[in-house]
Structures are given as structure tokens and as C-alpha cells.
N, C-alpha and C. Protein backbone atom coordinates (compact mmCIF):
# COMPACT_ATOMS: atom_id res chain seq x y z
N UNK A 1 -56.49 96.88 -155.38
CA UNK A 1 -55.47 97.27 -155.82
C UNK A 1 -54.04 96.60 -155.44
N UNK A 2 -53.67 96.62 -154.23
CA UNK A 2 -52.63 95.92 -153.51
C UNK A 2 -52.63 94.57 -153.70
N UNK A 3 -53.80 93.90 -153.86
CA UNK A 3 -53.96 92.31 -154.21
C UNK A 3 -53.31 92.18 -155.54
N UNK A 4 -53.78 93.07 -156.31
CA UNK A 4 -53.22 92.84 -157.82
C UNK A 4 -51.75 92.82 -158.10
N UNK A 5 -50.87 93.72 -157.11
CA UNK A 5 -49.81 93.81 -157.04
C UNK A 5 -49.13 92.92 -156.30
N UNK A 6 -49.83 92.39 -155.45
CA UNK A 6 -49.21 91.12 -154.20
C UNK A 6 -48.88 89.86 -155.65
N UNK A 7 -50.06 89.50 -156.25
CA UNK A 7 -50.39 88.36 -156.95
C UNK A 7 -48.87 88.82 -158.13
N UNK A 8 -49.04 89.76 -158.75
CA UNK A 8 -48.05 90.24 -159.61
C UNK A 8 -46.48 89.89 -159.59
N UNK A 9 -46.42 90.18 -158.15
CA UNK A 9 -44.87 90.01 -157.66
C UNK A 9 -44.86 88.78 -157.13
N UNK A 10 -45.77 88.10 -156.81
CA UNK A 10 -45.51 86.49 -156.39
C UNK A 10 -45.15 85.64 -158.12
N UNK A 11 -46.06 86.47 -158.95
CA UNK A 11 -45.89 85.36 -160.03
C UNK A 11 -44.12 85.73 -160.66
N UNK A 12 -43.64 86.93 -160.61
CA UNK A 12 -42.75 87.23 -161.26
C UNK A 12 -41.38 86.52 -160.29
N UNK A 13 -41.60 86.72 -159.12
CA UNK A 13 -40.67 85.87 -158.62
C UNK A 13 -40.39 84.63 -158.72
N UNK A 14 -41.79 84.06 -158.75
CA UNK A 14 -41.92 82.46 -159.18
C UNK A 14 -40.98 82.34 -160.84
N UNK A 15 -41.52 82.90 -161.52
CA UNK A 15 -40.62 83.03 -163.16
C UNK A 15 -39.13 83.27 -162.83
N UNK A 16 -38.61 84.05 -162.29
CA UNK A 16 -37.51 84.44 -161.86
C UNK A 16 -36.53 83.33 -161.23
N UNK A 17 -37.28 82.39 -160.55
CA UNK A 17 -36.70 81.43 -159.75
C UNK A 17 -36.76 80.11 -160.53
N UNK A 18 -37.64 79.83 -161.44
CA UNK A 18 -37.55 78.90 -162.00
C UNK A 18 -36.51 79.32 -163.30
N UNK A 19 -36.14 80.07 -163.67
CA UNK A 19 -34.93 80.49 -164.73
C UNK A 19 -33.39 80.42 -164.34
N UNK A 20 -33.49 79.42 -163.21
CA UNK A 20 -31.89 79.35 -162.43
C UNK A 20 -31.53 77.54 -162.73
N UNK A 21 -30.28 77.41 -162.57
CA UNK A 21 -29.95 75.92 -162.62
C UNK A 21 -30.04 75.62 -161.07
N UNK A 22 -29.84 76.53 -160.35
CA UNK A 22 -29.96 75.64 -159.11
C UNK A 22 -31.28 74.90 -158.41
N UNK A 23 -31.10 73.74 -157.90
CA UNK A 23 -32.14 73.15 -157.24
C UNK A 23 -32.09 71.59 -157.36
N UNK A 24 -33.19 70.91 -157.58
CA UNK A 24 -33.27 69.37 -157.65
C UNK A 24 -33.33 69.14 -159.10
N UNK A 25 -32.77 68.42 -159.48
CA UNK A 25 -33.00 67.87 -161.16
C UNK A 25 -32.71 66.26 -161.00
N UNK A 26 -33.90 65.62 -162.00
CA UNK A 26 -34.20 64.62 -162.06
C UNK A 26 -33.06 63.91 -163.33
N UNK A 27 -31.68 63.07 -163.14
CA UNK A 27 -31.37 62.55 -163.95
C UNK A 27 -32.04 61.73 -164.59
N UNK A 28 -31.44 61.70 -166.05
CA UNK A 28 -32.18 60.72 -167.14
C UNK A 28 -30.76 59.95 -168.32
N UNK A 29 -30.92 59.00 -168.37
CA UNK A 29 -30.04 58.42 -169.20
C UNK A 29 -30.12 58.81 -170.51
N UNK A 30 -28.98 59.61 -171.10
CA UNK A 30 -29.45 59.82 -172.89
C UNK A 30 -29.83 58.74 -173.36
N UNK A 31 -29.16 57.15 -173.35
CA UNK A 31 -29.25 56.37 -174.07
C UNK A 31 -30.56 55.31 -173.71
N UNK A 32 -30.98 55.23 -172.36
CA UNK A 32 -31.76 54.43 -172.40
C UNK A 32 -33.28 55.02 -172.01
N UNK A 33 -33.25 56.55 -171.77
CA UNK A 33 -34.29 57.05 -171.08
C UNK A 33 -34.61 56.99 -169.58
N UNK A 34 -33.94 56.24 -168.39
CA UNK A 34 -34.20 55.75 -167.33
C UNK A 34 -33.93 56.85 -166.73
N UNK A 35 -34.89 57.06 -165.85
CA UNK A 35 -34.67 57.93 -164.83
C UNK A 35 -33.49 57.51 -163.70
N UNK A 36 -32.67 58.02 -163.29
CA UNK A 36 -31.71 57.28 -162.21
C UNK A 36 -31.44 58.10 -160.82
N UNK A 37 -31.40 59.41 -160.90
CA UNK A 37 -31.30 60.08 -159.76
C UNK A 37 -31.62 61.01 -159.57
N UNK A 38 -31.67 61.81 -158.22
CA UNK A 38 -31.82 63.36 -158.54
C UNK A 38 -30.43 63.83 -157.90
N UNK A 39 -30.26 64.77 -158.52
CA UNK A 39 -29.14 65.99 -158.14
C UNK A 39 -29.27 67.18 -157.62
N UNK A 40 -29.04 67.57 -156.54
CA UNK A 40 -29.08 69.05 -156.16
C UNK A 40 -27.91 69.79 -156.81
N UNK A 41 -28.25 70.99 -157.20
CA UNK A 41 -27.03 71.68 -158.05
C UNK A 41 -27.23 72.92 -157.06
N UNK A 42 -26.08 73.51 -156.82
CA UNK A 42 -26.01 74.72 -155.58
C UNK A 42 -24.58 75.26 -155.80
N UNK A 43 -24.55 76.69 -155.31
CA UNK A 43 -23.45 77.36 -155.41
C UNK A 43 -22.96 77.26 -154.14
N UNK A 44 -21.23 77.42 -154.17
CA UNK A 44 -20.62 77.41 -152.84
C UNK A 44 -19.40 78.38 -153.19
N UNK A 45 -19.28 79.45 -152.75
CA UNK A 45 -18.06 80.32 -152.77
C UNK A 45 -17.88 80.54 -154.23
N UNK A 46 -18.50 81.09 -154.99
CA UNK A 46 -18.65 81.44 -156.44
C UNK A 46 -18.74 80.43 -157.27
N UNK A 47 -18.71 78.99 -157.01
CA UNK A 47 -18.53 77.91 -158.01
C UNK A 47 -19.94 77.04 -157.93
N UNK A 48 -19.97 76.15 -158.74
CA UNK A 48 -21.44 75.57 -158.79
C UNK A 48 -21.23 73.96 -158.47
N UNK A 49 -21.79 73.43 -158.00
CA UNK A 49 -21.64 71.91 -157.66
C UNK A 49 -22.69 71.30 -157.90
N UNK A 50 -22.84 70.04 -158.20
CA UNK A 50 -24.14 69.22 -158.06
C UNK A 50 -23.50 68.02 -157.43
N UNK A 51 -24.84 67.60 -156.59
CA UNK A 51 -24.36 66.23 -155.75
C UNK A 51 -25.57 65.60 -155.71
N UNK A 52 -25.43 64.08 -155.46
CA UNK A 52 -26.39 63.26 -156.00
C UNK A 52 -26.87 62.67 -154.67
N UNK A 53 -28.43 63.40 -154.56
CA UNK A 53 -29.24 63.35 -152.90
C UNK A 53 -30.04 62.02 -153.13
N UNK A 54 -30.61 61.59 -154.40
CA UNK A 54 -31.23 60.58 -154.12
C UNK A 54 -30.74 59.42 -155.62
N UNK A 55 -30.90 58.06 -155.19
CA UNK A 55 -31.07 56.93 -156.37
C UNK A 55 -31.72 56.22 -156.29
N UNK A 56 -32.52 55.83 -157.54
CA UNK A 56 -33.61 55.11 -157.63
C UNK A 56 -33.47 53.75 -157.62
N UNK A 57 -32.28 53.19 -158.20
CA UNK A 57 -32.24 51.87 -158.06
C UNK A 57 -31.63 51.37 -156.35
N UNK A 58 -32.73 50.67 -155.75
CA UNK A 58 -32.23 50.60 -154.51
C UNK A 58 -31.23 49.59 -154.45
N UNK A 59 -30.63 48.85 -155.50
CA UNK A 59 -29.81 47.97 -155.10
C UNK A 59 -28.03 48.91 -155.55
N UNK A 60 -28.16 49.82 -155.71
CA UNK A 60 -27.15 51.08 -156.16
C UNK A 60 -27.11 51.95 -155.03
N UNK A 61 -27.85 52.12 -153.98
CA UNK A 61 -28.20 53.34 -153.02
C UNK A 61 -26.81 53.19 -152.26
N UNK A 62 -26.27 52.14 -151.83
CA UNK A 62 -25.20 52.19 -150.81
C UNK A 62 -23.90 51.78 -151.32
N UNK A 63 -23.95 51.66 -152.81
CA UNK A 63 -22.49 51.54 -153.51
C UNK A 63 -21.53 52.54 -153.13
N UNK A 64 -20.09 52.15 -152.99
CA UNK A 64 -18.98 52.76 -153.33
C UNK A 64 -18.66 53.23 -154.70
N UNK A 65 -18.16 54.31 -155.05
CA UNK A 65 -17.63 54.71 -156.42
C UNK A 65 -16.18 54.02 -156.19
N UNK A 66 -16.19 52.80 -156.91
CA UNK A 66 -15.03 52.02 -157.19
C UNK A 66 -14.36 52.60 -158.18
N UNK A 67 -14.67 53.15 -159.17
CA UNK A 67 -14.00 53.58 -160.49
C UNK A 67 -13.54 54.70 -160.67
N UNK A 68 -14.23 55.71 -159.30
CA UNK A 68 -13.87 57.51 -159.26
C UNK A 68 -12.11 57.18 -159.25
N UNK A 69 -11.50 58.40 -159.07
CA UNK A 69 -10.22 58.53 -158.78
C UNK A 69 -9.70 59.83 -157.44
N UNK A 70 -8.89 60.01 -157.24
CA UNK A 70 -8.52 61.05 -156.32
C UNK A 70 -9.05 60.77 -155.15
N UNK A 71 -9.70 61.91 -154.58
CA UNK A 71 -10.61 62.27 -153.30
C UNK A 71 -11.84 61.45 -153.24
N UNK A 72 -12.47 61.21 -154.57
CA UNK A 72 -13.68 60.49 -154.55
C UNK A 72 -13.77 58.92 -154.77
N UNK A 73 -12.33 58.31 -154.67
CA UNK A 73 -12.49 57.13 -154.74
C UNK A 73 -12.91 56.35 -153.42
N UNK A 74 -13.70 55.46 -153.87
CA UNK A 74 -14.50 54.49 -152.55
C UNK A 74 -15.36 55.32 -151.87
N UNK A 75 -15.98 56.59 -152.27
CA UNK A 75 -16.85 57.35 -151.70
C UNK A 75 -18.20 56.72 -151.78
N UNK A 76 -19.04 56.76 -151.20
CA UNK A 76 -20.70 56.43 -151.37
C UNK A 76 -21.29 57.43 -152.69
N UNK A 77 -21.65 56.48 -153.71
CA UNK A 77 -22.02 57.59 -154.84
C UNK A 77 -23.35 58.44 -154.07
N UNK A 78 -24.17 58.16 -153.22
CA UNK A 78 -25.22 59.01 -152.65
C UNK A 78 -24.18 60.16 -151.90
N UNK A 79 -24.28 61.14 -152.12
CA UNK A 79 -24.04 62.12 -151.44
C UNK A 79 -22.61 62.85 -152.27
N UNK A 80 -22.34 62.24 -153.56
CA UNK A 80 -20.72 62.28 -154.08
C UNK A 80 -21.56 63.47 -155.02
N UNK A 81 -20.54 64.55 -154.77
CA UNK A 81 -20.46 65.85 -155.85
C UNK A 81 -20.12 65.13 -157.16
N UNK A 82 -20.85 65.19 -158.17
CA UNK A 82 -20.79 64.76 -159.45
C UNK A 82 -20.26 66.12 -160.50
N UNK A 83 -20.69 67.13 -160.03
CA UNK A 83 -20.56 68.16 -160.81
C UNK A 83 -19.71 69.53 -159.77
N UNK A 84 -18.64 69.60 -160.47
CA UNK A 84 -17.56 70.61 -159.68
C UNK A 84 -16.70 71.91 -160.25
N UNK A 85 -16.72 72.81 -159.65
CA UNK A 85 -16.22 73.82 -159.83
C UNK A 85 -16.57 74.48 -161.12
N UNK A 86 -18.01 74.63 -161.37
CA UNK A 86 -18.67 75.30 -162.79
C UNK A 86 -18.87 76.68 -162.41
N UNK A 87 -18.32 77.72 -163.37
CA UNK A 87 -18.23 79.01 -163.44
C UNK A 87 -19.50 79.61 -164.31
N UNK A 88 -20.10 80.77 -163.96
CA UNK A 88 -21.21 81.14 -164.97
C UNK A 88 -20.59 82.14 -165.88
N UNK A 89 -20.97 81.85 -167.17
CA UNK A 89 -20.63 82.71 -168.52
C UNK A 89 -21.91 82.94 -169.33
N UNK A 90 -22.26 84.36 -169.15
CA UNK A 90 -23.46 84.49 -169.83
C UNK A 90 -24.79 83.35 -169.30
N UNK A 91 -25.25 82.75 -170.29
CA UNK A 91 -26.28 82.10 -169.79
C UNK A 91 -26.23 80.91 -169.51
N UNK A 92 -24.65 80.27 -169.47
CA UNK A 92 -24.14 78.85 -169.62
C UNK A 92 -23.43 78.76 -168.11
N UNK A 93 -23.01 77.51 -167.92
CA UNK A 93 -22.05 77.34 -166.75
C UNK A 93 -20.95 76.04 -167.32
N UNK A 94 -19.63 76.82 -167.37
CA UNK A 94 -18.69 75.90 -167.71
C UNK A 94 -17.25 76.02 -167.04
N UNK A 95 -16.71 75.63 -167.65
CA UNK A 95 -15.00 75.61 -166.87
C UNK A 95 -14.89 74.76 -165.77
N UNK A 96 -16.12 73.81 -165.62
CA UNK A 96 -15.70 72.87 -164.61
C UNK A 96 -16.00 71.25 -165.14
N UNK A 97 -16.10 70.27 -163.97
CA UNK A 97 -16.35 68.87 -164.27
C UNK A 97 -17.44 68.18 -163.98
N UNK A 98 -17.76 67.26 -164.70
CA UNK A 98 -18.53 66.41 -164.60
C UNK A 98 -18.28 65.04 -163.97
N UNK A 99 -18.45 64.00 -163.40
CA UNK A 99 -18.33 62.69 -163.23
C UNK A 99 -19.12 61.83 -163.32
N UNK A 100 -18.97 60.86 -164.11
CA UNK A 100 -19.80 59.60 -164.66
C UNK A 100 -19.33 58.55 -163.15
N UNK A 101 -20.51 58.55 -162.30
CA UNK A 101 -19.99 57.62 -161.08
C UNK A 101 -20.22 56.42 -161.69
N UNK A 102 -20.77 55.97 -162.74
CA UNK A 102 -20.83 54.38 -162.90
C UNK A 102 -19.45 53.90 -163.54
N UNK A 103 -18.70 54.76 -164.24
CA UNK A 103 -17.31 54.37 -164.88
C UNK A 103 -16.09 55.27 -164.58
N UNK A 104 -16.32 56.46 -163.14
CA UNK A 104 -15.47 57.11 -162.81
C UNK A 104 -14.73 58.12 -163.94
N UNK A 105 -15.46 58.20 -164.95
CA UNK A 105 -14.76 59.07 -165.98
C UNK A 105 -15.32 60.24 -165.68
N UNK A 106 -14.18 61.44 -165.99
CA UNK A 106 -14.32 62.77 -165.70
C UNK A 106 -14.01 63.66 -167.03
N UNK A 107 -15.48 64.34 -167.15
CA UNK A 107 -15.57 65.23 -168.34
C UNK A 107 -15.23 66.83 -168.11
N UNK A 108 -14.86 67.33 -168.94
CA UNK A 108 -15.35 68.87 -169.32
C UNK A 108 -16.70 69.01 -169.17
N UNK A 109 -17.26 70.57 -168.45
CA UNK A 109 -18.51 69.80 -168.49
C UNK A 109 -18.95 71.52 -168.86
N UNK A 110 -20.67 71.54 -169.46
CA UNK A 110 -21.39 72.81 -169.61
C UNK A 110 -22.93 72.59 -169.67
N UNK A 111 -23.10 73.64 -168.71
CA UNK A 111 -24.40 73.41 -168.26
C UNK A 111 -25.32 74.77 -168.94
N UNK A 112 -26.61 74.50 -169.16
CA UNK A 112 -27.61 75.54 -169.29
C UNK A 112 -28.70 75.07 -169.47
N UNK A 113 -29.63 75.72 -169.19
CA UNK A 113 -31.43 75.70 -169.18
C UNK A 113 -31.52 75.54 -170.95
N UNK A 114 -32.60 74.60 -170.92
CA UNK A 114 -32.95 74.43 -172.50
C UNK A 114 -33.65 75.55 -172.64
N UNK A 115 -33.49 76.17 -174.20
CA UNK A 115 -33.90 77.44 -174.59
C UNK A 115 -34.98 77.56 -174.35
N UNK A 116 -35.86 76.55 -174.59
CA UNK A 116 -37.54 76.10 -174.99
C UNK A 116 -38.23 75.80 -173.56
N UNK A 117 -37.24 75.40 -172.69
CA UNK A 117 -38.15 74.98 -171.41
C UNK A 117 -37.22 75.04 -170.06
N UNK A 118 -37.40 75.91 -169.28
CA UNK A 118 -36.64 76.28 -168.18
C UNK A 118 -36.55 75.20 -167.00
N UNK A 119 -37.51 74.43 -167.17
CA UNK A 119 -37.58 73.20 -166.42
C UNK A 119 -36.87 71.95 -166.95
N UNK A 120 -35.98 72.21 -167.97
CA UNK A 120 -35.29 71.02 -168.70
C UNK A 120 -33.84 71.81 -168.51
N UNK A 121 -32.83 70.81 -168.06
CA UNK A 121 -31.33 71.32 -167.89
C UNK A 121 -30.55 70.42 -168.82
N UNK A 122 -29.93 71.18 -169.76
CA UNK A 122 -28.91 70.35 -170.67
C UNK A 122 -27.52 70.52 -169.99
N UNK A 123 -26.89 69.37 -170.13
CA UNK A 123 -25.72 69.09 -169.25
C UNK A 123 -24.89 68.42 -170.51
N UNK A 124 -23.80 68.87 -171.06
CA UNK A 124 -23.13 68.34 -171.79
C UNK A 124 -21.71 67.99 -171.32
N UNK A 125 -21.10 66.66 -171.24
CA UNK A 125 -19.67 66.54 -171.02
C UNK A 125 -18.83 66.17 -172.27
N UNK A 126 -17.76 67.09 -172.14
CA UNK A 126 -16.46 67.00 -173.26
C UNK A 126 -15.63 66.09 -173.12
N UNK A 127 -15.02 65.36 -174.03
CA UNK A 127 -13.68 65.17 -174.09
C UNK A 127 -13.15 65.62 -175.41
N UNK A 128 -12.16 66.63 -175.61
CA UNK A 128 -11.67 67.26 -176.85
C UNK A 128 -12.99 67.91 -177.77
N UNK A 129 -13.26 67.20 -178.63
CA UNK A 129 -14.62 68.00 -179.45
C UNK A 129 -15.51 67.01 -179.46
N UNK A 130 -15.31 65.63 -178.76
CA UNK A 130 -16.39 64.55 -178.79
C UNK A 130 -17.15 65.27 -177.32
N UNK A 131 -18.71 64.81 -177.61
CA UNK A 131 -19.66 65.05 -176.26
C UNK A 131 -20.73 64.38 -176.46
N UNK A 132 -21.05 64.37 -175.21
CA UNK A 132 -22.36 63.71 -174.87
C UNK A 132 -23.36 64.05 -174.23
N UNK A 133 -24.61 64.62 -174.55
CA UNK A 133 -25.74 65.28 -173.48
C UNK A 133 -26.57 64.51 -173.15
N UNK A 134 -27.01 64.81 -172.00
CA UNK A 134 -28.08 64.07 -171.09
C UNK A 134 -29.39 65.59 -171.00
N UNK A 135 -30.58 65.42 -170.80
CA UNK A 135 -31.25 66.32 -170.45
C UNK A 135 -31.97 65.99 -169.09
N UNK A 136 -31.91 66.97 -168.10
CA UNK A 136 -32.43 66.24 -166.59
C UNK A 136 -33.86 67.47 -166.56
N UNK A 137 -34.51 66.94 -165.59
CA UNK A 137 -35.95 67.31 -165.58
C UNK A 137 -35.91 68.30 -164.05
N UNK A 138 -36.30 69.03 -164.11
CA UNK A 138 -36.26 69.86 -162.78
C UNK A 138 -37.29 69.22 -161.66
N UNK A 139 -36.92 68.84 -160.43
CA UNK A 139 -37.61 68.01 -159.72
C UNK A 139 -38.43 68.92 -158.57
N UNK A 140 -37.72 70.26 -158.03
CA UNK A 140 -38.34 71.36 -157.36
C UNK A 140 -39.92 71.96 -157.87
């Protein structure tokens, strides 16, 4: 009996863990379908951030963010927080920003798990009412 209870508890714990945006995500370019990097999404002081922890193209691994502005200018892209200050609101995270390290542009951001697949993350960057959506794949 105890064996079944342990198995059920482990299964439920695993299901609950996969229902969060936190962890490592493989970024996929929405135009080319190219896998570009791994971003780790984490929480710090009640806000959500996402840091580039791996870049697949070896020619881009050591490049600085020349197009970034402010405190991110000229910082290495590897290790850069591209998602900043997100807040949870229901089943989405919003009120923060996402930076495109390729051109330095900063967008308002909304993040949520895909409704049909908790191992797929929907990241949407906004400028006014125009937006662009990428789907990232869970790496953990």
C-alpha cells in the first residue's frame, strides 16, 4: 500500500513541477525555426527573469551585446538577462520586458505555458498593439 502511495505522490509532484515556467528553455526562432540558445527562467525577489546560459552557434558565444542599451551595453550575450521584472497574473507573467540581443530592442513581454503542452512556452513581445510570438521548448 505504501509503495503505491509513494508512486502516486512522485507522479503528482512531477506533474506539478512541469506546470511552471521556471527552468531551462530552448529558444526557437519564430521565423526560421532555428534553435538558438538555452534560457534559464528563474524567480528573484518576487520577479521573474530569464538568462541566456547556452548559445548553440559557437561563433556567437563570446560576442558582446553591442546593440543593447543602458546597463546591458557591451555585456556578453552569454549570461545576459533578456527577460526582466515579470510578474505573475493568473496563468500568465507580464509587466516585464524581453530584450532581443541580436538588435538590442526591448519589448513589453507576456509569458505563459502553452494551453495544450506544458513543455512548450509561449513568449510574446509587444510594441503597442503589434506583437511577435515565439514558442520555446522545455529543456529540463
